[in-house]
Structures are given as C-alpha cells and as structure tokens.
Amino acid sequence: MSTLVSDSSDKSSVPFLRGILTQSLIDVGLSFDEAYTLADDVRTDLSEVDEISTSDLKELVVDRLKEREDKSALELYQTGPDRQRLIQVFDADDQPTPFSKGLLVRSLEICAFPMEKRYRIASSIERRLIRDGLLELSSDDLARLTYAQLSDQEGDKAARRYLQWLQFERDGRPMVLLIGGTTGSGKSTISAEIANRLDIVRTQSTDMLREVMRLMFPKRLLPALHASSYLAWQTLPAAQLAANPEQRVETGYLTQSREVAIGVEAVLKRASREQVSVIVEGVHVYPELQKELSRNSDAIVVPLMVAVLKRKRLRKQLVGRGAANKSRRAERYLKHFEEIWHLQSFLLEEADKHNIAVIANSDPDETITQVMDTISAELAKHYSGKPKEVLKSLAHH
C-alpha cells in the first residue's frame, strides 16, 4: 500500500505519488531522468512508512537534493511555489503578470530543442531570478536574460533563432504555414503538433474546403471536385487526358487542386486581414500555389511538402489510416497505391522545381525538428536576429 502524505493545515491525506514529485523536481531544474531517479529513491525510503507529514516529506527530498550538491535546485525547492509566484513580469504597458515557466518554454519552441532541454533552460532562468532577488522585471529584461542564457549554453545559432522569433511576435504579422503532401504522408498529424507548439489556433484542411465546395457546386458543374485527388482524372473528358497513365493522374489532380485553391486563397486573405496566424494543410496545397501565395501575401508564408519516401512505410500508414477511419477504407487506398505513389513523386518534383522545402516524415521528433528549421529559415529572411539591433529595440519598447 502507498505511503500516505498528511497535511496538517487541512487535516487531509493523499497517497505519495512518484509522478507528482518527479514533476516538482523538473520544475526546479532537474532533467526528467534525474527527477525520476530521485523520486524513485524517495519512494524506496518510504517503502516501510505508512504515513508521513508534508513537512517531513519535504525534508526527505531536501536531504536527497543536498546529496546531489545542486545548490540552485535545492534553493528553488526550499523556496516553494509561494516564492516562485512572487516573480512579476511587467509588459510594455507596465502591467504585471506572474512569471510563467510554461510561456518561457513555449517561446523556445523555435529552437527545436527537446522538451526536457527547454524546461531545463527555463528552470535555470527562474532559479537565477530568485537567487539574484529579481522578483520584478520587464518582459524585455526577461528576453535579454533568456538570450544570454541561450548564447552561453547553446551557442549563437539558437540564441539568434530566439531573437528572430521575438521580432516576429512583436512585429504583429501573421504566419501562414502551407503544408502539402499526398494521402497518408502524415501532414495532418504534423499540422496539429505544430499548431500546439506554436500556439496557432487556426488550422484549415483542404479536404474540408473541398467538402464545402462540393455542397456549393454540383457534380455536373465541377466533376473533378467530387472525386479523390488521385482519381480526379476519371471525371475529365478524354480530350483533356494524355495517353500516359501517370500524366492523367497529374492532370486530374491539378484540375481539382486549382478549384480548391479558390478556398485556400480566401482563407489566407482572411488571416491576413485579421492578422491571425493559420496552418493550411492538405493534398491540394501544391507547390505552384505555395509559391504564388508566398509572393502575394503580406504574411510570413512558410511553404513545405511532407513525404514518406519508403513505399513500404507509406503502405503501412495508408492501412493504419483506413483502419482508423472507416469512411476511407484501407482497401481503396491500397487498390490505388500506384496512383498515390506517383502523385507524391509528382509533388516532390514540383517542390524541387519551385524551391519548396521537402520534409521526409520518418521519425516523428526529427520531422518536427525539420519543420521548425524550415520556419526558422523563413523567419531569417525577414528578421535579422542581431543582438545589438534587437536588444536595443527592446530597450525602447
């Protein structure tokens, strides 16, 4: 049976939970492995203990931290959450908000560090603020401190990325991510992950746009709109089709995609008008359209193409997708696998021709890192990230 932890302040008791202690230790700057190991040691210490008070438990953890000789983590743990909440960050309007390690971690997403490293950096900054008694500071001061920490620990590249992201956020321009890829490439999953990491609240699937347009335009008017992208050629007059089967797939796809492009352009115009970032993903986000939208938008447009480069892996993902969504049966995808595979090859050739970044979707973490790298490269075209320029502007912000 788990050891009970009793709280004399409200005369309650709860089971000791290793996961809760692990998280609290991560919050003071330990890595996940370090925090988990220490929490596991504490659980071992309590294996023969039926009940322990919160104060005695804290002393036990303090003793374990002392063994590590990590003074900063020890000090932050001893100060407790009440002291941490005393740190106030003042915005440009001189309005205070409590220091948020979570927000600081989010601002480091563009650096493409693992979550553990970002928390470690944020925790280190938090410990420094408490150690130096900096319980009130401006958001600009926090930015300077974060930049200095990144520069010292991770080098100039990561620090510059952070400053470029800061410039983008303060510029007010929206970001538009245009994520293309054939059926089964994983673009929807990637879009959802990037939206969560960068706090982009608007995402738009071109499949959904096509569904809406199908309600507006009957099959007799726009027949290609009512077929799958890789089978749209079957709805076109024979006179429009080449004898080559692969060219037929390309013609049908482009016909449908150019019809859906009307809806994509409308989404982007609204995002630009409202100054709201958006992710548009789907098979209809083809390279020629991506390039055209990049030229004609005031937003920061990041075009990229996602691909699964191994036939066996793409087959496996199509089978998985069919099993998860009964309206899109795996059998149909596998029956037309060659058309889907050729369509991907066509999109990759077009991406290369238009200098669109191609993201090979194999390892999930590496894929997200590549996407972040692509976003960073686009930001670098618009923002300098030069310390003297950016930090000087912060002084007058």
Protein backbone atom coordinates (compact mmCIF):
# COMPACT_ATOMS: atom_id res chain seq x y z
CA MET A 1 0.00 0.00 0.00
CA SER A 2 1.25 3.52 -0.79
CA THR A 3 2.51 5.78 1.94
CA LEU A 4 0.00 8.43 2.93
CA VAL A 5 1.14 12.07 2.94
CA SER A 6 -0.73 14.06 5.58
CA ASP A 7 -1.25 17.82 5.51
CA SER A 8 -1.86 19.30 8.96
CA SER A 9 -3.16 22.57 7.52
CA ASP A 10 -6.40 20.97 6.33
CA LYS A 11 -6.14 17.60 8.10
CA SER A 12 -6.17 15.69 4.83
CA SER A 13 -4.00 12.89 3.49
CA VAL A 14 -3.25 11.62 0.00
CA PRO A 15 -1.12 8.73 -1.31
CA PHE A 16 2.50 9.51 -2.13
CA LEU A 17 2.76 9.77 -5.93
CA ARG A 18 6.14 9.46 -7.57
CA GLY A 19 4.89 11.26 -10.69
CA ILE A 20 3.89 14.38 -8.74
CA LEU A 21 7.26 14.58 -7.02
CA THR A 22 9.02 14.00 -10.35
CA GLN A 23 7.23 16.98 -11.90
CA SER A 24 8.02 19.24 -8.94
CA LEU A 25 11.70 18.32 -9.28
CA ILE A 26 11.64 19.03 -13.00
CA ASP A 27 10.21 22.43 -12.12
CA VAL A 28 13.33 23.25 -10.08
CA GLY A 29 15.65 22.36 -12.94
CA LEU A 30 16.35 18.62 -12.81
CA SER A 31 16.14 16.63 -16.02
CA PHE A 32 13.36 14.07 -16.28
CA ASP A 33 15.76 11.18 -15.67
CA GLU A 34 17.33 12.93 -12.67
CA ALA A 35 13.94 13.86 -11.21
CA TYR A 36 12.51 10.38 -11.76
CA THR A 37 15.53 8.71 -10.16
CA LEU A 38 15.40 10.97 -7.09
CA ALA A 39 11.62 10.47 -6.75
CA ASP A 40 12.14 6.72 -7.02
CA ASP A 41 14.77 6.89 -4.27
CA VAL A 42 12.30 8.75 -2.05
CA ARG A 43 9.66 6.11 -2.70
CA THR A 44 12.17 3.46 -1.63
CA ASP A 45 12.86 5.44 1.55
CA LEU A 46 9.13 5.37 2.28
CA SER A 47 8.59 1.69 1.47
CA GLU A 48 8.20 0.79 5.16
CA VAL A 49 6.45 4.05 6.17
CA ASP A 50 2.67 4.09 6.50
CA GLU A 51 2.26 7.85 6.81
CA ILE A 52 4.45 10.95 6.62
CA SER A 53 3.68 14.66 7.00
CA THR A 54 4.20 17.09 4.11
CA SER A 55 6.92 18.88 6.08
CA ASP A 56 8.80 15.64 6.80
CA LEU A 57 8.48 14.60 3.16
CA LYS A 58 9.92 17.93 2.10
CA GLU A 59 12.86 17.45 4.46
CA LEU A 60 13.45 14.00 3.00
CA VAL A 61 13.56 15.45 -0.53
CA VAL A 62 15.83 18.27 0.67
CA ASP A 63 18.27 15.70 2.07
CA ARG A 64 18.31 13.90 -1.26
CA LEU A 65 18.93 17.18 -3.11
CA LYS A 66 21.79 18.00 -0.72
CA GLU A 67 23.43 14.73 -1.71
CA ARG A 68 23.43 15.99 -5.30
CA GLU A 69 25.25 19.19 -4.30
CA ASP A 70 22.94 21.15 -6.62
CA LYS A 71 22.59 24.40 -4.69
CA SER A 72 20.36 26.18 -7.20
CA ALA A 73 17.83 23.32 -7.39
CA LEU A 74 17.93 22.94 -3.62
CA GLU A 75 17.31 26.65 -3.07
CA LEU A 76 14.43 26.77 -5.52
CA TYR A 77 12.82 23.68 -4.00
CA GLN A 78 13.12 25.15 -0.50
CA THR A 79 11.58 28.48 -1.51
CA GLY A 80 8.45 26.67 -2.61
CA PRO A 81 5.69 27.77 -5.01
CA ASP A 82 4.72 30.83 -2.97
CA ARG A 83 8.12 32.41 -3.51
CA GLN A 84 8.10 31.48 -7.19
CA ARG A 85 4.75 33.17 -7.71
CA LEU A 86 6.24 36.40 -6.34
CA ILE A 87 8.19 36.95 -9.58
CA GLN A 88 6.31 39.56 -11.57
CA VAL A 89 6.93 40.32 -15.25
CA PHE A 90 5.80 43.74 -16.49
CA ASP A 91 4.67 44.08 -20.11
CA ALA A 92 5.03 47.08 -22.45
CA ASP A 93 2.02 48.72 -20.78
CA ASP A 94 3.62 48.24 -17.36
CA GLN A 95 1.03 45.64 -16.40
CA PRO A 96 2.35 42.83 -14.16
CA THR A 97 1.75 39.13 -14.66
CA PRO A 98 3.23 36.22 -12.70
CA PHE A 99 6.33 34.68 -14.23
CA SER A 100 5.30 31.64 -16.28
CA LYS A 101 7.85 28.97 -16.96
CA GLY A 102 5.39 27.39 -19.38
CA LEU A 103 5.24 30.54 -21.51
CA LEU A 104 9.01 30.82 -21.47
CA VAL A 105 9.30 27.19 -22.57
CA ARG A 106 6.86 27.90 -25.43
CA SER A 107 8.95 30.86 -26.59
CA LEU A 108 11.88 28.43 -27.03
CA GLU A 109 9.95 26.11 -29.39
CA ILE A 110 11.55 27.72 -32.44
CA CYS A 111 14.96 26.48 -31.21
CA ALA A 112 13.71 22.91 -31.80
CA PHE A 113 15.12 21.66 -28.51
CA PRO A 114 13.64 18.60 -26.80
CA MET A 115 11.04 19.45 -24.17
CA GLU A 116 13.40 18.42 -21.38
CA LYS A 117 16.09 20.86 -22.51
CA ARG A 118 13.64 23.74 -22.84
CA TYR A 119 12.35 23.14 -19.32
CA ARG A 120 15.91 22.95 -18.03
CA ILE A 121 16.75 26.32 -19.58
CA ALA A 122 13.55 27.92 -18.26
CA SER A 123 14.15 26.46 -14.79
CA SER A 124 17.71 27.76 -14.83
CA ILE A 125 16.43 31.26 -15.61
CA GLU A 126 13.83 31.00 -12.86
CA ARG A 127 16.48 29.93 -10.34
CA ARG A 128 18.69 32.85 -11.34
CA LEU A 129 15.85 35.33 -10.84
CA ILE A 130 15.19 34.01 -7.33
CA ARG A 131 18.89 33.75 -6.46
CA ASP A 132 19.55 37.36 -7.53
CA GLY A 133 16.37 38.66 -5.92
CA LEU A 134 14.94 39.81 -9.28
CA LEU A 135 11.31 39.40 -8.30
CA GLU A 136 10.19 42.25 -10.58
CA LEU A 137 11.42 42.69 -14.13
CA SER A 138 10.15 43.79 -17.53
CA SER A 139 9.37 41.39 -20.36
CA ASP A 140 12.29 42.99 -22.21
CA ASP A 141 14.65 42.21 -19.33
CA LEU A 142 13.41 38.63 -19.35
CA ALA A 143 14.09 38.44 -23.09
CA ARG A 144 17.64 39.71 -22.61
CA LEU A 145 18.25 37.20 -19.84
CA THR A 146 16.87 34.37 -22.00
CA TYR A 147 19.05 35.41 -24.92
CA ALA A 148 22.15 35.49 -22.71
CA GLN A 149 21.33 32.06 -21.29
CA LEU A 150 20.87 30.58 -24.77
CA SER A 151 24.04 32.18 -26.05
CA ASP A 152 26.11 30.84 -23.16
CA GLN A 153 24.64 27.34 -23.09
CA GLU A 154 23.57 26.59 -26.67
CA GLY A 155 25.53 28.97 -28.89
CA ASP A 156 24.82 31.79 -31.31
CA LYS A 157 22.53 29.87 -33.68
CA ALA A 158 19.96 29.02 -31.02
CA ALA A 159 20.16 32.50 -29.47
CA ARG A 160 19.61 34.16 -32.84
CA ARG A 161 16.64 31.93 -33.57
CA TYR A 162 15.08 33.04 -30.31
CA LEU A 163 15.59 36.72 -31.17
CA GLN A 164 14.11 36.24 -34.64
CA TRP A 165 11.04 34.63 -33.10
CA LEU A 166 10.82 37.55 -30.66
CA GLN A 167 11.00 40.01 -33.56
CA PHE A 168 8.25 38.12 -35.37
CA GLU A 169 5.95 38.10 -32.33
CA ARG A 170 6.42 41.84 -31.77
CA ASP A 171 6.03 42.68 -35.44
CA GLY A 172 2.38 41.62 -35.45
CA ARG A 173 2.49 39.98 -38.88
CA PRO A 174 0.67 36.65 -39.11
CA MET A 175 2.39 33.43 -40.09
CA VAL A 176 0.89 31.13 -42.70
CA LEU A 177 2.13 27.55 -42.87
CA LEU A 178 1.26 25.81 -46.14
CA ILE A 179 1.76 22.08 -45.62
CA GLY A 180 1.30 19.88 -48.67
CA GLY A 181 1.65 16.15 -49.12
CA THR A 182 -0.15 13.20 -50.59
CA THR A 183 -2.63 10.90 -48.84
CA GLY A 184 -1.01 9.13 -45.87
CA SER A 185 2.06 11.36 -45.65
CA GLY A 186 1.22 12.49 -42.10
CA LYS A 187 0.63 16.17 -42.85
CA SER A 188 -2.48 16.40 -40.64
CA THR A 189 -0.66 14.98 -37.62
CA ILE A 190 2.30 17.29 -38.18
CA SER A 191 0.00 20.29 -38.58
CA ALA A 192 -1.74 19.53 -35.28
CA GLU A 193 1.59 19.19 -33.46
CA ILE A 194 2.99 22.44 -34.89
CA ALA A 195 -0.23 24.28 -34.12
CA ASN A 196 0.01 23.16 -30.50
CA ARG A 197 3.68 24.03 -30.15
CA LEU A 198 3.44 27.47 -31.73
CA ASP A 199 0.01 28.28 -30.27
CA ILE A 200 -1.60 28.70 -33.70
CA VAL A 201 -5.32 28.48 -33.08
CA ARG A 202 -6.48 28.32 -36.70
CA THR A 203 -5.90 25.30 -38.90
CA GLN A 204 -7.63 24.52 -42.16
CA SER A 205 -7.74 21.26 -44.06
CA THR A 206 -8.14 21.48 -47.83
CA ASP A 207 -10.23 18.30 -47.64
CA MET A 208 -12.74 20.25 -45.57
CA LEU A 209 -12.66 23.13 -48.06
CA ARG A 210 -13.36 20.64 -50.83
CA GLU A 211 -16.30 19.20 -48.88
CA VAL A 212 -17.81 22.68 -48.52
CA MET A 213 -17.26 23.45 -52.20
CA ARG A 214 -18.88 20.13 -53.18
CA LEU A 215 -22.06 21.31 -51.46
CA MET A 216 -21.93 24.57 -53.38
CA PHE A 217 -21.09 23.16 -56.81
CA PRO A 218 -22.91 20.04 -58.07
CA LYS A 219 -21.04 17.26 -59.79
CA ARG A 220 -22.28 18.26 -63.25
CA LEU A 221 -20.57 21.69 -62.90
CA LEU A 222 -17.26 20.68 -61.29
CA PRO A 223 -16.96 16.89 -61.61
CA ALA A 224 -13.28 16.75 -60.58
CA LEU A 225 -14.21 18.25 -57.21
CA HIS A 226 -16.29 15.17 -56.39
CA ALA A 227 -13.53 12.56 -56.75
CA SER A 228 -10.44 11.61 -54.79
CA SER A 229 -7.39 13.66 -55.77
CA TYR A 230 -5.63 10.66 -57.29
CA LEU A 231 -8.76 9.64 -59.26
CA ALA A 232 -9.95 13.08 -60.36
CA TRP A 233 -8.71 12.36 -63.89
CA GLN A 234 -11.54 9.85 -64.32
CA THR A 235 -14.08 12.69 -64.31
CA LEU A 236 -12.42 14.66 -67.11
CA PRO A 237 -13.23 14.48 -70.86
CA ALA A 238 -10.95 12.13 -72.76
CA ALA A 239 -9.79 15.01 -74.93
CA GLN A 240 -8.10 16.61 -71.89
CA LEU A 241 -6.16 13.48 -70.99
CA ALA A 242 -2.84 12.21 -72.26
CA ALA A 243 -2.30 8.58 -73.16
CA ASN A 244 0.27 8.23 -70.36
CA PRO A 245 -1.50 6.99 -67.16
CA GLU A 246 0.83 8.99 -64.91
CA GLN A 247 0.17 12.20 -66.78
CA ARG A 248 -3.56 11.53 -66.42
CA VAL A 249 -3.20 11.40 -62.63
CA GLU A 250 -1.30 14.70 -62.72
CA THR A 251 -3.91 16.40 -64.90
CA GLY A 252 -6.80 15.30 -62.73
CA TYR A 253 -5.01 16.31 -59.56
CA LEU A 254 -4.12 19.78 -60.86
CA THR A 255 -7.67 20.34 -62.11
CA GLN A 256 -9.11 19.58 -58.69
CA SER A 257 -6.42 21.44 -56.76
CA ARG A 258 -6.85 24.62 -58.80
CA GLU A 259 -10.55 24.54 -57.98
CA VAL A 260 -9.86 24.10 -54.26
CA ALA A 261 -7.22 26.87 -54.46
CA ILE A 262 -10.04 29.42 -54.53
CA GLY A 263 -10.96 28.41 -50.98
CA VAL A 264 -7.32 28.36 -49.87
CA GLU A 265 -6.80 31.90 -51.13
CA ALA A 266 -9.92 33.04 -49.26
CA VAL A 267 -8.60 31.54 -46.00
CA LEU A 268 -5.30 33.34 -46.43
CA LYS A 269 -6.91 36.67 -47.26
CA ARG A 270 -8.98 36.49 -44.10
CA ALA A 271 -5.95 35.55 -41.99
CA SER A 272 -4.04 38.49 -43.43
CA ARG A 273 -6.94 40.86 -42.90
CA GLU A 274 -7.42 39.76 -39.29
CA GLN A 275 -3.68 39.43 -38.62
CA VAL A 276 -4.09 35.87 -37.35
CA SER A 277 -1.65 33.03 -37.99
CA VAL A 278 -3.03 29.94 -39.70
CA ILE A 279 -1.97 26.50 -40.91
CA VAL A 280 -3.41 25.24 -44.18
CA GLU A 281 -2.70 21.58 -44.84
CA GLY A 282 -3.79 19.12 -47.48
CA VAL A 283 -3.02 17.35 -50.70
CA HIS A 284 -4.32 20.37 -52.64
CA VAL A 285 -1.55 22.62 -51.32
CA TYR A 286 0.57 22.10 -54.43
CA PRO A 287 3.98 23.76 -55.00
CA GLU A 288 2.90 26.21 -57.70
CA LEU A 289 0.14 27.52 -55.43
CA GLN A 290 2.53 27.68 -52.45
CA LYS A 291 4.96 29.80 -54.43
CA GLU A 292 2.23 32.10 -55.75
CA LEU A 293 0.79 32.65 -52.27
CA SER A 294 4.27 33.36 -50.90
CA ARG A 295 4.75 36.12 -53.45
CA ASN A 296 1.35 37.72 -52.99
CA SER A 297 0.94 37.76 -49.20
CA ASP A 298 1.96 40.27 -46.55
CA ALA A 299 2.14 37.42 -44.02
CA ILE A 300 5.18 35.31 -43.24
CA VAL A 301 4.43 32.38 -45.54
CA VAL A 302 6.20 29.08 -44.87
CA PRO A 303 5.60 26.53 -47.65
CA LEU A 304 6.71 22.93 -47.22
CA MET A 305 5.95 19.48 -48.57
CA VAL A 306 5.71 16.38 -46.37
CA ALA A 307 6.56 12.98 -47.85
CA VAL A 308 7.01 9.35 -46.86
CA LEU A 309 9.91 8.23 -49.01
CA LYS A 310 9.66 4.48 -48.42
CA ARG A 311 6.92 2.61 -50.30
CA LYS A 312 6.51 0.03 -47.54
CA ARG A 313 6.10 2.70 -44.88
CA LEU A 314 3.54 4.64 -46.92
CA ARG A 315 1.54 1.45 -47.45
CA LYS A 316 1.62 0.83 -43.71
CA GLN A 317 0.37 4.36 -42.96
CA LEU A 318 -2.42 4.02 -45.50
CA VAL A 319 -3.53 0.77 -43.88
CA GLY A 320 -3.48 2.44 -40.46
CA ARG A 321 -5.43 5.41 -41.74
CA GLY A 322 -8.07 3.18 -43.29
CA ALA A 323 -8.49 1.23 -40.05
CA ALA A 324 -8.92 4.45 -38.04
CA ASN A 325 -11.41 5.99 -40.43
CA LYS A 326 -14.00 3.60 -41.81
CA SER A 327 -15.16 6.11 -44.42
CA ARG A 328 -11.74 5.86 -46.03
CA ARG A 329 -11.13 2.17 -46.30
CA ALA A 330 -7.60 0.87 -46.49
CA GLU A 331 -8.59 -1.35 -49.40
CA ARG A 332 -9.36 1.66 -51.57
CA TYR A 333 -6.03 3.28 -50.80
CA LEU A 334 -4.09 0.08 -51.45
CA LYS A 335 -6.00 -0.58 -54.66
CA HIS A 336 -4.85 2.80 -55.95
CA PHE A 337 -1.46 2.82 -54.27
CA GLU A 338 0.43 3.32 -57.52
CA GLU A 339 -1.60 6.45 -58.31
CA ILE A 340 -0.95 7.80 -54.78
CA TRP A 341 2.76 6.97 -55.03
CA HIS A 342 3.06 8.65 -58.42
CA LEU A 343 1.19 11.70 -57.17
CA GLN A 344 3.71 12.03 -54.35
CA SER A 345 6.59 11.74 -56.84
CA PHE A 346 4.99 14.47 -58.95
CA LEU A 347 4.58 16.76 -55.92
CA LEU A 348 8.20 16.24 -54.91
CA GLU A 349 9.43 17.06 -58.41
CA GLU A 350 7.31 20.21 -58.42
CA ALA A 351 8.54 21.14 -54.93
CA ASP A 352 12.12 20.85 -56.11
CA LYS A 353 11.38 22.98 -59.17
CA HIS A 354 9.81 25.73 -57.04
CA ASN A 355 12.40 25.52 -54.21
CA ILE A 356 9.84 24.29 -51.67
CA ALA A 357 11.30 22.54 -48.61
CA VAL A 358 10.64 18.79 -48.51
CA ILE A 359 10.23 17.18 -45.09
CA ALA A 360 10.89 13.43 -45.02
CA ASN A 361 8.42 12.07 -42.47
CA SER A 362 10.16 9.08 -40.91
CA ASP A 363 10.96 9.79 -37.25
CA PRO A 364 8.31 11.99 -35.51
CA ASP A 365 10.77 14.05 -33.44
CA GLU A 366 13.14 14.58 -36.36
CA THR A 367 10.22 15.56 -38.60
CA ILE A 368 9.09 18.28 -36.18
CA THR A 369 12.69 19.48 -35.88
CA GLN A 370 12.90 19.79 -39.67
CA VAL A 371 9.66 21.77 -39.74
CA MET A 372 10.97 24.12 -37.05
CA ASP A 373 14.19 24.50 -39.04
CA THR A 374 12.16 25.44 -42.12
CA ILE A 375 10.14 28.00 -40.18
CA SER A 376 13.32 29.45 -38.69
CA ALA A 377 14.92 29.72 -42.14
CA GLU A 378 11.90 31.68 -43.39
CA LEU A 379 11.96 33.99 -40.37
CA ALA A 380 15.64 34.67 -41.07
CA LYS A 381 14.64 36.16 -44.43
CA HIS A 382 12.52 38.78 -42.65
CA TYR A 383 14.23 39.38 -39.30
CA SER A 384 17.90 39.94 -38.50
CA GLY A 385 18.11 38.33 -35.07
CA LYS A 386 21.15 40.52 -34.45
CA PRO A 387 21.62 41.01 -30.70
CA LYS A 388 22.60 44.70 -30.82
CA GLU A 389 19.68 45.58 -33.08
CA VAL A 390 17.02 43.52 -31.33
CA LEU A 391 18.07 44.13 -27.74
CA LYS A 392 18.48 47.83 -28.44
CA SER A 393 14.93 47.96 -29.77
CA LEU A 394 13.74 46.17 -26.64
CA ALA A 395 15.25 48.94 -24.54
CA HIS A 396 12.85 51.38 -26.21
CA HIS A 397 9.90 49.02 -26.46
